[in-house]
Amino acid sequence: MLPVLAVTVAYLMNIFAGSDLERRFVCFPFTEGCVSISRAVRSGPGLHLFRAVMLPTAALLFLTWVYVRAWLLGQRSCTARRAGWMLGLGAVGALFLVVYATWLGTEGAWYNWLRRYGVTFYFAGTAFAQLLLLWILWPQRRSLAGGRLIVPVTWLAVLVGAQWTLGVMSSVKRLVFDDPVLIDRIENVIEWWYAVPMVLAFLVVGDLFRRTGFHVRGGFERSRIDVGKGDSRP
């Protein structure tokens, strides 16, 4: 939840600090869309908070995908190659979150390019990794862990579906509307809401770990599954 919380708190800090955030960029962005995430936190005291939170968050994001890969292999849910693809996509998202947070607030064409594509690849890499995880788990939701993963995998499907629905809405907005101001507001609203199901999906991943007894000991990952008669499998 750190990304959404950090952006929201950083935006509020900039508002109350009276920074160079113009009046037209002050609103409830989840419904009014007056400001993008980047514009909301790319200056003032909020920028420092945003960077301070996002950089360690990127490291945690990468570790999460490392453990998801280990968890999948522990469940024998997929091949090492498919799990590796998922880890690679997640790593791309984590890497570009670092790029985005590092160069946010800087000026120049090159830095603008880094910011723009940093946030794009962060969202894209994470979204595709979550989609691949769902693709792996959905056909096995009734068999894994004696059926105890049906609920969290269903929630994962809902959250991933919400992300891709918002993504489609963002891509077709210019085909439906021709008012540039309205288009910009719709894009901002979608951007703010897109991050919500993305981060909530990681709470579902945590629930998957909990339900299967996944934990880390001494640098090694182990997963225990109760299967009917109390048997366990490493």
Protein backbone atom coordinates (compact mmCIF):
# COMPACT_ATOMS: atom_id res chain seq x y z
CA MET A 1 0.00 0.00 0.00
CA LEU A 2 3.02 2.31 0.30
CA PRO A 3 2.86 3.81 -3.24
CA VAL A 4 -0.75 5.02 -2.97
CA LEU A 5 -0.30 6.22 0.62
CA ALA A 6 2.95 8.02 -0.19
CA VAL A 7 1.49 9.84 -3.19
CA THR A 8 -1.62 10.91 -1.28
CA VAL A 9 0.31 12.16 1.76
CA ALA A 10 2.92 13.90 -0.43
CA TYR A 11 0.16 15.67 -2.36
CA LEU A 12 -1.47 16.85 0.89
CA MET A 13 1.91 18.05 2.15
CA ASN A 14 2.36 20.17 -0.98
CA ILE A 15 -1.13 21.62 -0.62
CA PHE A 16 -0.74 22.62 3.03
CA ALA A 17 2.84 23.80 2.59
CA GLY A 18 1.71 26.34 0.00
CA SER A 19 4.34 25.19 -2.52
CA ASP A 20 4.35 26.11 -6.19
CA LEU A 21 1.30 23.91 -6.78
CA GLU A 22 -1.18 26.13 -8.60
CA ARG A 23 -4.72 26.53 -7.31
CA ARG A 24 -6.14 24.73 -10.34
CA PHE A 25 -4.19 21.62 -9.29
CA VAL A 26 -5.84 21.45 -5.87
CA CYS A 27 -8.84 19.12 -5.72
CA PHE A 28 -9.88 15.57 -4.87
CA PRO A 29 -7.98 13.92 -7.75
CA PHE A 30 -9.73 10.53 -7.55
CA THR A 31 -12.96 12.12 -8.80
CA GLU A 32 -12.10 15.55 -10.18
CA GLY A 33 -8.87 14.70 -12.00
CA CYS A 34 -7.43 18.20 -11.80
CA VAL A 35 -3.87 16.92 -11.37
CA SER A 36 -1.78 13.94 -12.41
CA ILE A 37 0.24 11.94 -9.91
CA SER A 38 3.48 13.37 -11.27
CA ARG A 39 2.27 16.96 -11.13
CA ALA A 40 0.96 16.44 -7.58
CA VAL A 41 4.31 15.40 -6.10
CA ARG A 42 7.06 16.60 -8.41
CA SER A 43 7.91 19.65 -6.31
CA GLY A 44 7.73 20.95 -2.75
CA PRO A 45 8.21 18.92 0.44
CA GLY A 46 6.04 16.14 -0.94
CA LEU A 47 8.70 15.30 -3.53
CA HIS A 48 11.21 14.41 -0.81
CA LEU A 49 8.72 12.17 0.96
CA PHE A 50 7.77 10.53 -2.33
CA ARG A 51 11.37 9.72 -3.20
CA ALA A 52 12.16 8.54 0.32
CA VAL A 53 9.29 6.04 0.19
CA MET A 54 9.40 4.96 -3.46
CA LEU A 55 13.04 3.90 -3.60
CA PRO A 56 12.84 1.31 -0.78
CA THR A 57 9.38 0.36 -2.06
CA ALA A 58 10.97 -0.56 -5.39
CA ALA A 59 13.35 -2.91 -3.57
CA LEU A 60 10.44 -4.49 -1.69
CA LEU A 61 8.54 -4.83 -4.96
CA PHE A 62 11.43 -6.72 -6.53
CA LEU A 63 11.75 -9.01 -3.49
CA THR A 64 8.03 -9.69 -3.64
CA TRP A 65 8.33 -11.07 -7.16
CA VAL A 66 11.37 -13.13 -6.13
CA TYR A 67 9.27 -14.74 -3.40
CA VAL A 68 6.24 -15.17 -5.68
CA ARG A 69 8.47 -17.11 -8.07
CA ALA A 70 9.74 -19.29 -5.20
CA TRP A 71 6.17 -19.79 -3.99
CA LEU A 72 4.95 -20.88 -7.44
CA LEU A 73 7.80 -23.35 -7.81
CA GLY A 74 7.10 -24.63 -4.30
CA GLN A 75 3.50 -25.31 -5.31
CA ARG A 76 4.71 -26.91 -8.55
CA SER A 77 2.18 -24.60 -10.20
CA CYS A 78 4.19 -23.81 -13.31
CA THR A 79 7.48 -24.32 -15.04
CA ALA A 80 10.61 -22.47 -13.97
CA ARG A 81 10.59 -20.68 -17.31
CA ARG A 82 7.11 -19.26 -16.85
CA ALA A 83 7.88 -18.25 -13.27
CA GLY A 84 11.06 -16.61 -14.58
CA TRP A 85 9.07 -14.57 -17.11
CA MET A 86 6.81 -13.36 -14.33
CA LEU A 87 9.82 -12.39 -12.20
CA GLY A 88 11.38 -10.59 -15.16
CA LEU A 89 8.26 -8.51 -15.79
CA GLY A 90 7.99 -7.66 -12.11
CA ALA A 91 11.67 -6.71 -12.02
CA VAL A 92 11.13 -4.35 -14.96
CA GLY A 93 8.34 -2.65 -13.02
CA ALA A 94 10.52 -2.29 -9.90
CA LEU A 95 13.50 -0.98 -11.90
CA PHE A 96 11.49 1.68 -13.69
CA LEU A 97 9.87 2.77 -10.44
CA VAL A 98 13.41 3.68 -9.35
CA VAL A 99 13.95 5.55 -12.64
CA TYR A 100 10.68 7.43 -12.25
CA ALA A 101 11.21 8.40 -8.60
CA THR A 102 14.85 9.40 -9.16
CA TRP A 103 14.20 11.83 -12.00
CA LEU A 104 10.85 13.18 -10.89
CA GLY A 105 11.13 16.92 -10.38
CA THR A 106 14.06 17.40 -12.77
CA GLU A 107 13.96 19.51 -15.92
CA GLY A 108 15.05 18.90 -19.51
CA ALA A 109 13.89 16.79 -22.45
CA TRP A 110 15.97 13.75 -21.43
CA TYR A 111 14.68 13.83 -17.87
CA ASN A 112 11.10 14.26 -19.11
CA TRP A 113 11.59 11.14 -21.24
CA LEU A 114 12.94 9.19 -18.26
CA ARG A 115 9.99 10.25 -16.08
CA ARG A 116 7.38 9.51 -18.72
CA TYR A 117 8.68 6.09 -19.65
CA GLY A 118 9.70 5.30 -16.09
CA VAL A 119 6.11 5.47 -14.86
CA THR A 120 4.82 3.75 -18.03
CA PHE A 121 7.11 0.74 -17.66
CA TYR A 122 6.51 0.59 -13.90
CA PHE A 123 2.77 0.24 -14.43
CA ALA A 124 3.14 -2.01 -17.47
CA GLY A 125 5.71 -4.38 -15.98
CA THR A 126 3.79 -4.78 -12.74
CA ALA A 127 0.44 -5.19 -14.49
CA PHE A 128 1.75 -7.85 -16.89
CA ALA A 129 3.44 -9.73 -14.04
CA GLN A 130 0.18 -9.78 -12.09
CA LEU A 131 -1.69 -10.89 -15.21
CA LEU A 132 0.73 -13.76 -15.75
CA LEU A 133 0.38 -14.77 -12.10
CA LEU A 134 -3.39 -14.86 -12.52
CA TRP A 135 -3.05 -16.85 -15.76
CA ILE A 136 -0.99 -19.44 -13.89
CA LEU A 137 -3.25 -19.68 -10.84
CA TRP A 138 -6.75 -19.42 -12.30
CA PRO A 139 -6.95 -22.93 -13.86
CA GLN A 140 -5.59 -24.43 -10.60
CA ARG A 141 -7.62 -22.39 -8.11
CA ARG A 142 -9.76 -25.40 -7.05
CA SER A 143 -6.91 -27.87 -6.70
CA LEU A 144 -4.15 -25.87 -4.98
CA ALA A 145 -4.07 -26.12 -1.18
CA GLY A 146 -7.18 -28.25 -1.08
CA GLY A 147 -9.32 -25.49 -2.59
CA ARG A 148 -8.35 -22.85 -0.01
CA LEU A 149 -7.06 -20.52 -2.71
CA ILE A 150 -10.36 -20.09 -4.57
CA VAL A 151 -11.28 -16.87 -2.76
CA PRO A 152 -7.92 -15.05 -3.02
CA VAL A 153 -7.42 -16.09 -6.65
CA THR A 154 -10.93 -14.80 -7.44
CA TRP A 155 -10.06 -11.51 -5.77
CA LEU A 156 -6.85 -11.40 -7.79
CA ALA A 157 -8.92 -11.83 -10.95
CA VAL A 158 -11.19 -8.95 -9.93
CA LEU A 159 -8.28 -6.61 -9.21
CA VAL A 160 -6.33 -7.51 -12.35
CA GLY A 161 -9.53 -7.18 -14.38
CA ALA A 162 -10.10 -3.71 -12.91
CA GLN A 163 -6.62 -2.64 -13.96
CA TRP A 164 -7.06 -3.79 -17.52
CA THR A 165 -10.54 -2.27 -17.74
CA LEU A 166 -9.12 1.09 -16.67
CA GLY A 167 -6.29 0.63 -19.16
CA VAL A 168 -8.75 0.09 -22.01
CA MET A 169 -10.79 3.11 -20.92
CA SER A 170 -7.64 5.22 -20.97
CA SER A 171 -6.73 4.08 -24.48
CA VAL A 172 -10.14 4.82 -26.03
CA LYS A 173 -10.92 8.13 -24.33
CA ARG A 174 -9.64 10.15 -27.29
CA LEU A 175 -11.95 8.21 -29.61
CA VAL A 176 -14.98 9.11 -27.52
CA PHE A 177 -14.25 12.69 -26.44
CA ASP A 178 -12.73 15.62 -28.31
CA ASP A 179 -12.48 18.15 -25.47
CA PRO A 180 -8.76 18.22 -24.50
CA VAL A 181 -9.51 19.48 -20.98
CA LEU A 182 -12.02 16.69 -20.36
CA ILE A 183 -9.64 14.11 -21.84
CA ASP A 184 -6.87 15.31 -19.52
CA ARG A 185 -9.14 15.06 -16.47
CA ILE A 186 -10.32 11.57 -17.42
CA GLU A 187 -6.71 10.48 -17.89
CA ASN A 188 -5.79 11.84 -14.46
CA VAL A 189 -8.73 10.14 -12.72
CA ILE A 190 -7.86 6.83 -14.38
CA GLU A 191 -4.22 7.20 -13.37
CA TRP A 192 -5.10 7.76 -9.70
CA TRP A 193 -7.54 4.85 -9.61
CA TYR A 194 -5.32 2.49 -11.61
CA ALA A 195 -2.80 2.33 -8.79
CA VAL A 196 -5.41 1.18 -6.25
CA PRO A 197 -6.18 -2.34 -7.60
CA MET A 198 -2.51 -2.75 -8.47
CA VAL A 199 -1.37 -2.34 -4.87
CA LEU A 200 -4.37 -4.24 -3.45
CA ALA A 201 -3.30 -7.22 -5.56
CA PHE A 202 -0.19 -7.52 -3.42
CA LEU A 203 -2.36 -7.89 -0.32
CA VAL A 204 -3.95 -10.85 -2.09
CA VAL A 205 -0.48 -12.25 -2.76
CA GLY A 206 0.22 -11.96 0.95
CA ASP A 207 -2.99 -13.87 1.64
CA LEU A 208 -1.88 -16.60 -0.77
CA PHE A 209 1.36 -16.91 1.17
CA ARG A 210 -0.52 -17.03 4.49
CA ARG A 211 -3.00 -19.67 3.39
CA THR A 212 -0.22 -21.98 2.21
CA GLY A 213 2.17 -21.40 5.10
CA PHE A 214 4.82 -19.76 2.92
CA HIS A 215 7.66 -18.17 4.89
CA VAL A 216 11.35 -17.40 4.69
CA ARG A 217 13.90 -19.01 7.01
CA GLY A 218 17.61 -18.40 6.92
CA GLY A 219 17.47 -17.13 3.34
CA PHE A 220 15.61 -20.20 2.07
CA GLU A 221 12.00 -20.21 0.93
CA ARG A 222 9.69 -23.00 2.02
CA SER A 223 6.01 -23.56 1.48
CA ARG A 224 3.85 -26.04 3.35
CA ILE A 225 0.45 -27.15 2.14
CA ASP A 226 -2.02 -29.16 4.15
CA VAL A 227 -3.59 -31.66 1.79
CA GLY A 228 -6.41 -33.59 3.31
CA LYS A 229 -4.76 -35.88 5.87
CA GLY A 230 -2.34 -33.35 7.25
CA ASP A 231 0.43 -34.22 4.80
CA SER A 232 2.88 -31.53 3.87
CA ARG A 233 4.95 -30.93 0.77
CA PRO A 234 8.16 -28.85 0.65
